[in-house]
C-alpha atoms as a PDB file:
ATOM      1  CA  MET A   1      32.869  10.016  28.931  1.00  0.00           C
ATOM      2  CA  THR A   2      34.851  13.111  28.000  1.00  0.00           C
ATOM      3  CA  LEU A   3      32.212  14.179  25.459  1.00  0.00           C
ATOM      4  CA  TYR A   4      29.542  13.672  28.118  1.00  0.00           C
ATOM      5  CA  HIS A   5      31.483  15.884  30.518  1.00  0.00           C
ATOM      6  CA  PHE A   6      31.965  18.519  27.808  1.00  0.00           C
ATOM      7  CA  GLY A   7      28.263  18.448  26.902  1.00  0.00           C
ATOM      8  CA  ASN A   8      27.289  18.672  30.555  1.00  0.00           C
ATOM      9  CA  CYS A   9      29.458  21.756  31.036  1.00  0.00           C
ATOM     10  CA  LEU A  10      28.106  23.396  27.887  1.00  0.00           C
ATOM     11  CA  ALA A  11      24.530  22.756  29.008  1.00  0.00           C
ATOM     12  CA  LEU A  12      25.291  24.154  32.449  1.00  0.00           C
ATOM     13  CA  VAL A  13      26.690  27.333  30.894  1.00  0.00           C
ATOM     14  CA  TYR A  14      24.303  28.089  28.038  1.00  0.00           C
ATOM     15  CA  ILE A  15      20.916  26.546  28.868  1.00  0.00           C
ATOM     16  CA  PRO A  16      20.219  29.164  31.594  1.00  0.00           C
ATOM     17  CA  PHE A  17      20.609  31.851  28.905  1.00  0.00           C
ATOM     18  CA  HIS A  18      18.074  30.067  26.701  1.00  0.00           C
ATOM     19  CA  ILE A  19      15.652  29.661  29.602  1.00  0.00           C
ATOM     20  CA  THR A  20      16.011  33.315  30.560  1.00  0.00           C
ATOM     21  CA  TYR A  21      15.393  34.437  26.979  1.00  0.00           C
ATOM     22  CA  LYS A  22      12.366  32.187  26.444  1.00  0.00           C
ATOM     23  CA  HIS A  23      10.610  32.546  29.785  1.00  0.00           C
ATOM     24  CA  SER A  24      11.250  36.234  30.480  1.00  0.00           C
ATOM     25  CA  GLY A  25       9.172  37.333  27.491  1.00  0.00           C
ATOM     26  CA  LEU A  26      12.120  38.536  25.400  1.00  0.00           C
ATOM     27  CA  SER A  27      11.287  36.080  22.633  1.00  0.00           C
ATOM     28  CA  GLU A  28       7.882  37.728  22.279  1.00  0.00           C
ATOM     29  CA  TYR A  29       9.549  41.101  21.727  1.00  0.00           C
ATOM     30  CA  GLY A  30      11.927  39.723  19.083  1.00  0.00           C
ATOM     31  CA  ALA A  31      14.884  40.939  21.097  1.00  0.00           C
ATOM     32  CA  PHE A  32      17.433  38.473  19.725  1.00  0.00           C
ATOM     33  CA  TRP A  33      19.272  40.934  17.501  1.00  0.00           C
ATOM     34  CA  LYS A  34      19.262  43.534  20.249  1.00  0.00           C
ATOM     35  CA  CYS A  35      21.010  40.970  22.425  1.00  0.00           C
ATOM     36  CA  VAL A  36      23.524  40.421  19.628  1.00  0.00           C
ATOM     37  CA  GLN A  37      24.124  44.176  19.406  1.00  0.00           C
ATOM     38  CA  ALA A  38      24.670  44.295  23.169  1.00  0.00           C
ATOM     39  CA  GLY A  39      27.206  41.500  22.756  1.00  0.00           C
ATOM     40  CA  GLY A  40      28.976  43.498  20.048  1.00  0.00           C
ATOM     41  CA  ILE A  41      29.343  46.479  22.372  1.00  0.00           C
ATOM     42  CA  TYR A  42      30.671  44.084  25.021  1.00  0.00           C
ATOM     43  CA  VAL A  43      33.398  42.965  22.625  1.00  0.00           C
ATOM     44  CA  LEU A  44      34.371  46.567  21.809  1.00  0.00           C
ATOM     45  CA  THR A  45      34.414  47.461  25.504  1.00  0.00           C
ATOM     46  CA  GLN A  46      36.699  44.544  26.345  1.00  0.00           C
ATOM     47  CA  LEU A  47      39.076  45.509  23.544  1.00  0.00           C
ATOM     48  CA  CYS A  48      39.292  49.032  24.949  1.00  0.00           C
ATOM     49  CA  LYS A  49      39.917  47.636  28.432  1.00  0.00           C
ATOM     50  CA  MET A  50      42.682  45.370  27.139  1.00  0.00           C
ATOM     51  CA  LEU A  51      44.304  48.348  25.438  1.00  0.00           C
ATOM     52  CA  LEU A  52      44.163  50.381  28.661  1.00  0.00           C
ATOM     53  CA  LEU A  53      45.576  47.518  30.728  1.00  0.00           C
ATOM     54  CA  ALA A  54      48.402  46.879  28.265  1.00  0.00           C
ATOM     55  CA  THR A  55      49.264  50.585  28.050  1.00  0.00           C
ATOM     56  CA  PHE A  56      49.013  51.782  31.651  1.00  0.00           C
ATOM     57  CA  PHE A  57      49.162  48.592  33.731  1.00  0.00           C
ATOM     58  CA  PRO A  58      51.858  46.290  32.350  1.00  0.00           C
ATOM     59  CA  ALA A  59      52.399  42.954  34.050  1.00  0.00           C
ATOM     60  CA  ALA A  60      54.236  43.482  37.296  1.00  0.00           C
ATOM     61  CA  GLU A  61      56.691  41.129  38.978  1.00  0.00           C
ATOM     62  CA  SER A  62      55.209  38.740  41.514  1.00  0.00           C
ATOM     63  CA  THR A  63      55.086  40.081  45.050  1.00  0.00           C
ATOM     64  CA  ILE A  64      57.180  38.644  47.859  1.00  0.00           C
ATOM     65  CA  HIS A  65      55.680  35.633  49.678  1.00  0.00           C
ATOM     66  CA  GLY A  66      52.571  35.764  47.522  1.00  0.00           C
ATOM     67  CA  GLU A  67      51.368  39.049  49.025  1.00  0.00           C
ATOM     68  CA  VAL A  68      48.609  40.870  47.173  1.00  0.00           C
ATOM     69  CA  ASP A  69      49.420  44.273  45.739  1.00  0.00           C
ATOM     70  CA  ILE A  70      46.118  45.839  46.803  1.00  0.00           C
ATOM     71  CA  PHE A  71      46.737  49.240  45.215  1.00  0.00           C
ATOM     72  CA  GLY A  72      47.889  47.759  41.924  1.00  0.00           C
ATOM     73  CA  GLU A  73      44.970  45.335  41.823  1.00  0.00           C
ATOM     74  CA  TRP A  74      42.587  48.178  42.634  1.00  0.00           C
ATOM     75  CA  LEU A  75      43.920  50.207  39.722  1.00  0.00           C
ATOM     76  CA  LYS A  76      43.481  47.247  37.384  1.00  0.00           C
ATOM     77  CA  ALA A  77      39.991  46.554  38.704  1.00  0.00           C
ATOM     78  CA  SER A  78      39.100  50.210  38.129  1.00  0.00           C
ATOM     79  CA  VAL A  79      39.353  49.555  34.403  1.00  0.00           C
ATOM     80  CA  ASP A  80      36.185  47.472  34.799  1.00  0.00           C
ATOM     81  CA  LEU A  81      34.318  50.750  35.300  1.00  0.00           C
ATOM     82  CA  ALA A  82      34.430  50.956  31.499  1.00  0.00           C
ATOM     83  CA  ASP A  83      31.808  48.196  31.550  1.00  0.00           C
ATOM     84  CA  LEU A  84      29.386  50.676  33.087  1.00  0.00           C
ATOM     85  CA  VAL A  85      29.915  53.014  30.147  1.00  0.00           C
ATOM     86  CA  GLY A  86      29.395  50.142  27.736  1.00  0.00           C
ATOM     87  CA  LEU A  87      26.172  49.096  29.465  1.00  0.00           C
ATOM     88  CA  TYR A  88      24.940  52.683  29.395  1.00  0.00           C
ATOM     89  CA  LEU A  89      25.485  52.769  25.630  1.00  0.00           C
ATOM     90  CA  VAL A  90      23.649  49.461  25.268  1.00  0.00           C
ATOM     91  CA  LEU A  91      20.674  50.758  27.244  1.00  0.00           C
ATOM     92  CA  ALA A  92      20.624  53.968  25.230  1.00  0.00           C
ATOM     93  CA  GLY A  93      20.380  51.962  22.020  1.00  0.00           C
ATOM     94  CA  ILE A  94      17.459  49.769  23.121  1.00  0.00           C
ATOM     95  CA  PRO A  95      14.000  51.334  22.737  1.00  0.00           C
ATOM     96  CA  GLY A  96      11.199  50.843  25.224  1.00  0.00           C
ATOM     97  CA  LYS A  97      11.140  50.655  28.973  1.00  0.00           C
ATOM     98  CA  GLY A  98      10.660  48.170  31.731  1.00  0.00           C
ATOM     99  CA  HIS A  99      12.206  44.829  32.479  1.00  0.00           C
ATOM    100  CA  ALA A 100      12.500  43.770  28.805  1.00  0.00           C
ATOM    101  CA  LYS A 101      15.011  46.538  28.108  1.00  0.00           C
ATOM    102  CA  LEU A 102      17.137  45.627  31.114  1.00  0.00           C
ATOM    103  CA  LEU A 103      17.019  41.900  30.419  1.00  0.00           C
ATOM    104  CA  THR A 104      17.941  42.419  26.763  1.00  0.00           C
ATOM    105  CA  ALA A 105      21.007  44.464  27.671  1.00  0.00           C
ATOM    106  CA  GLY A 106      22.082  42.230  30.559  1.00  0.00           C
ATOM    107  CA  LEU A 107      21.470  38.968  28.709  1.00  0.00           C
ATOM    108  CA  GLY A 108      23.312  40.112  25.580  1.00  0.00           C
ATOM    109  CA  TRP A 109      26.254  41.349  27.653  1.00  0.00           C
ATOM    110  CA  ALA A 110      26.461  38.182  29.752  1.00  0.00           C
ATOM    111  CA  GLY A 111      25.951  35.955  26.697  1.00  0.00           C
ATOM    112  CA  ALA A 112      28.874  37.528  24.871  1.00  0.00           C
ATOM    113  CA  GLU A 113      31.055  37.041  27.935  1.00  0.00           C
ATOM    114  CA  ALA A 114      29.998  33.393  28.238  1.00  0.00           C
ATOM    115  CA  ILE A 115      30.821  32.700  24.594  1.00  0.00           C
ATOM    116  CA  LEU A 116      34.179  34.474  24.590  1.00  0.00           C
ATOM    117  CA  THR A 117      35.458  33.333  27.980  1.00  0.00           C
ATOM    118  CA  ARG A 118      33.903  29.912  28.497  1.00  0.00           C
ATOM    119  CA  PHE A 119      33.548  28.031  25.209  1.00  0.00           C
ATOM    120  CA  LEU A 120      37.223  27.721  24.261  1.00  0.00           C
ATOM    121  CA  PRO A 121      38.449  26.687  27.747  1.00  0.00           C
ATOM    122  CA  LEU A 122      35.694  24.078  27.922  1.00  0.00           C
ATOM    123  CA  TRP A 123      36.457  22.853  24.410  1.00  0.00           C
ATOM    124  CA  VAL A 124      40.142  22.446  25.225  1.00  0.00           C
ATOM    125  CA  GLY A 125      39.904  21.319  28.837  1.00  0.00           C
ATOM    126  CA  ALA A 126      36.572  19.596  29.422  1.00  0.00           C
ATOM    127  CA  ARG A 127      37.220  17.247  26.496  1.00  0.00           C
ATOM    128  CA  GLY A 128      40.462  16.070  28.049  1.00  0.00           C
ATOM    129  CA  ALA A 129      41.128  12.539  29.175  1.00  0.00           C
ATOM    130  CA  GLU A 130      40.850  13.413  32.868  1.00  0.00           C
ATOM    131  CA  PHE A 131      37.795  14.778  34.644  1.00  0.00           C
ATOM    132  CA  HIS A 132      38.323  17.950  36.660  1.00  0.00           C
ATOM    133  CA  TRP A 133      35.870  19.809  38.844  1.00  0.00           C
ATOM    134  CA  LYS A 134      37.212  23.206  37.808  1.00  0.00           C
ATOM    135  CA  TYR A 135      35.200  23.101  34.585  1.00  0.00           C
ATOM    136  CA  ILE A 136      31.996  22.528  36.541  1.00  0.00           C
ATOM    137  CA  GLN A 137      33.007  25.465  38.741  1.00  0.00           C
ATOM    138  CA  GLN A 138      33.587  27.661  35.701  1.00  0.00           C
ATOM    139  CA  SER A 139      30.179  26.694  34.342  1.00  0.00           C
ATOM    140  CA  LEU A 140      28.479  27.534  37.631  1.00  0.00           C
ATOM    141  CA  GLU A 141      30.355  30.812  37.801  1.00  0.00           C
ATOM    142  CA  SER A 142      28.928  31.695  34.379  1.00  0.00           C
ATOM    143  CA  ASN A 143      25.423  31.437  35.864  1.00  0.00           C
ATOM    144  CA  ILE A 144      26.448  33.696  38.724  1.00  0.00           C
ATOM    145  CA  ASN A 145      27.834  36.195  36.228  1.00  0.00           C
ATOM    146  CA  LEU A 146      24.528  36.170  34.332  1.00  0.00           C
ATOM    147  CA  VAL A 147      22.715  37.369  37.458  1.00  0.00           C
ATOM    148  CA  GLN A 148      25.539  39.804  38.185  1.00  0.00           C
ATOM    149  CA  HIS A 149      25.404  41.428  34.745  1.00  0.00           C
ATOM    150  CA  ILE A 150      21.624  41.818  34.817  1.00  0.00           C
ATOM    151  CA  THR A 151      21.967  43.374  38.279  1.00  0.00           C
ATOM    152  CA  THR A 152      24.668  45.783  37.081  1.00  0.00           C
ATOM    153  CA  THR A 153      22.560  46.709  34.052  1.00  0.00           C
ATOM    154  CA  THR A 154      19.626  47.523  36.346  1.00  0.00           C
ATOM    155  CA  LEU A 155      21.861  49.665  38.548  1.00  0.00           C
ATOM    156  CA  VAL A 156      23.156  51.579  35.513  1.00  0.00           C
ATOM    157  CA  TRP A 157      19.573  52.183  34.401  1.00  0.00           C
ATOM    158  CA  LEU A 158      18.601  53.407  37.875  1.00  0.00           C
ATOM    159  CA  TRP A 159      21.640  55.671  38.115  1.00  0.00           C
ATOM    160  CA  SER A 160      20.917  57.238  34.715  1.00  0.00           C
ATOM    161  CA  ARG A 161      17.367  58.242  35.619  1.00  0.00           C
ATOM    162  CA  HIS A 162      16.844  61.941  36.284  1.00  0.00           C
ATOM    163  CA  ASP A 163      13.814  61.353  38.496  1.00  0.00           C
ATOM    164  CA  LEU A 164      15.714  59.217  41.006  1.00  0.00           C
ATOM    165  CA  SER A 165      15.343  60.585  44.517  1.00  0.00           C
ATOM    166  CA  ARG A 166      18.320  62.173  46.253  1.00  0.00           C
ATOM    167  CA  SER A 167      18.192  59.572  48.998  1.00  0.00           C
ATOM    168  CA  THR A 168      18.290  56.675  46.524  1.00  0.00           C
ATOM    169  CA  LEU A 169      21.041  57.972  44.228  1.00  0.00           C
ATOM    170  CA  PRO A 170      23.912  57.547  46.744  1.00  0.00           C
ATOM    171  CA  VAL A 171      22.745  53.995  47.488  1.00  0.00           C
ATOM    172  CA  VAL A 172      22.677  53.129  43.788  1.00  0.00           C
ATOM    173  CA  SER A 173      26.128  54.683  43.281  1.00  0.00           C
ATOM    174  CA  ILE A 174      27.611  52.660  46.145  1.00  0.00           C
ATOM    175  CA  MET A 175      26.035  49.485  44.810  1.00  0.00           C
ATOM    176  CA  LEU A 176      27.462  50.191  41.360  1.00  0.00           C
ATOM    177  CA  LEU A 177      30.924  50.376  42.902  1.00  0.00           C
ATOM    178  CA  LEU A 178      30.315  47.179  44.872  1.00  0.00           C
ATOM    179  CA  SER A 179      29.217  45.501  41.657  1.00  0.00           C
ATOM    180  CA  SER A 180      32.216  46.714  39.660  1.00  0.00           C
ATOM    181  CA  TYR A 181      34.742  45.749  42.350  1.00  0.00           C
ATOM    182  CA  ARG A 182      33.083  42.432  43.229  1.00  0.00           C
ATOM    183  CA  GLY A 183      36.008  40.312  42.072  1.00  0.00           C
ATOM    184  CA  LEU A 184      38.590  42.435  43.863  1.00  0.00           C
ATOM    185  CA  ILE A 185      36.607  42.533  47.117  1.00  0.00           C
ATOM    186  CA  VAL A 186      36.075  38.771  47.196  1.00  0.00           C
ATOM    187  CA  ASP A 187      39.668  37.998  46.212  1.00  0.00           C
ATOM    188  CA  ILE A 188      41.141  40.260  48.899  1.00  0.00           C
ATOM    189  CA  ALA A 189      38.702  39.245  51.636  1.00  0.00           C
ATOM    190  CA  PHE A 190      39.228  35.534  51.001  1.00  0.00           C
ATOM    191  CA  SER A 191      42.770  35.508  49.624  1.00  0.00           C
ATOM    192  CA  GLY A 192      43.801  32.861  52.157  1.00  0.00           C
ATOM    193  CA  THR A 193      41.053  30.441  51.139  1.00  0.00           C
ATOM    194  CA  ASP A 194      42.334  27.423  49.240  1.00  0.00           C
ATOM    195  CA  SER A 195      38.953  25.918  48.396  1.00  0.00           C
ATOM    196  CA  ALA A 196      37.624  27.030  45.003  1.00  0.00           C
ATOM    197  CA  TRP A 197      34.143  25.891  46.043  1.00  0.00           C
ATOM    198  CA  THR A 198      34.212  28.249  49.029  1.00  0.00           C
ATOM    199  CA  VAL A 199      35.191  31.203  46.849  1.00  0.00           C
ATOM    200  CA  LEU A 200      32.458  30.295  44.363  1.00  0.00           C
ATOM    201  CA  MET A 201      29.889  30.139  47.165  1.00  0.00           C
ATOM    202  CA  ILE A 202      30.992  33.527  48.504  1.00  0.00           C
ATOM    203  CA  ARG A 203      30.663  35.066  45.046  1.00  0.00           C
ATOM    204  CA  ALA A 204      27.194  33.575  44.737  1.00  0.00           C
ATOM    205  CA  ILE A 205      26.110  34.965  48.116  1.00  0.00           C
ATOM    206  CA  TYR A 206      27.640  38.369  47.291  1.00  0.00           C
ATOM    207  CA  THR A 207      25.794  38.485  43.967  1.00  0.00           C
ATOM    208  CA  LEU A 208      22.540  37.291  45.533  1.00  0.00           C
ATOM    209  CA  CYS A 209      22.581  40.015  48.194  1.00  0.00           C
ATOM    210  CA  LEU A 210      23.398  42.661  45.606  1.00  0.00           C
ATOM    211  CA  SER A 211      20.703  41.467  43.199  1.00  0.00           C
ATOM    212  CA  LEU A 212      17.958  41.262  45.832  1.00  0.00           C
ATOM    213  CA  THR A 213      18.729  44.789  47.037  1.00  0.00           C
ATOM    214  CA  THR A 214      18.731  46.038  43.445  1.00  0.00           C
ATOM    215  CA  LEU A 215      15.421  44.309  42.750  1.00  0.00           C
ATOM    216  CA  LYS A 216      13.854  46.020  45.752  1.00  0.00           C
ATOM    217  CA  ILE A 217      15.031  49.455  44.596  1.00  0.00           C
ATOM    218  CA  TYR A 218      13.944  48.767  41.011  1.00  0.00           C
ATOM    219  CA  ALA A 219      10.471  47.648  42.127  1.00  0.00           C
ATOM    220  CA  ARG A 220      10.007  50.836  44.131  1.00  0.00           C
ATOM    221  CA  VAL A 221      11.206  53.103  41.319  1.00  0.00           C
ATOM    222  CA  ALA A 222       9.279  51.210  38.627  1.00  0.00           C
ATOM    223  CA  SER A 223       6.029  51.383  40.581  1.00  0.00           C
ATOM    224  CA  SER A 224       6.478  55.105  41.173  1.00  0.00           C
ATOM    225  CA  ILE A 225       6.885  55.858  37.443  1.00  0.00           C
ATOM    226  CA  GLY A 226       4.165  53.442  36.367  1.00  0.00           C
ATOM    227  CA  ILE A 227       6.204  50.730  34.618  1.00  0.00           C
ATOM    228  CA  PHE A 228       4.382  47.972  36.480  1.00  0.00           C
END
């Protein structure tokens, strides 16, 4: 039973990556090693972030009555802006244009995160003697993060374009900030919520709204420059 639960969680985490790679056309472009390179840059970016957090934001004492230190959490969340730099470097290193470039960068980035942050906890916890829903929640959250990373990659690509209209650039910039501070915004807005399923649903809705808006902007920009 425990092996079945572990296998179910693994499938829930990693099969969506396989489906995305196979059915998005990336396999036809031979983009596997580009995805691996994107994952390598993800690892380097996370190491730099860990160094910054350890140097400038040491672990603080717990706040009184469980209150959230909004300013301190905002400073820590600001380190995630380094992910935007990492994604920009990934995009700069992938030739071509269009959706294949964005999917390669986003899929490689999200895949590296899923391997580094999900496999070991599932291996240790999901194989335990007792079943726990939190591992299913972590697996579902990995799927949400896949959409989130592809959305953020698209926003970075849009922001880096020199032919982006002046009216669209501020919108893209705001959405980049909303994407980078997603975790902080959800945690603060729903800090009093005890249900992990509710928080997961809110993150999914947040990501869905962000991704649909990004897709609309990307479709308009792509059609104007002749990618479609």
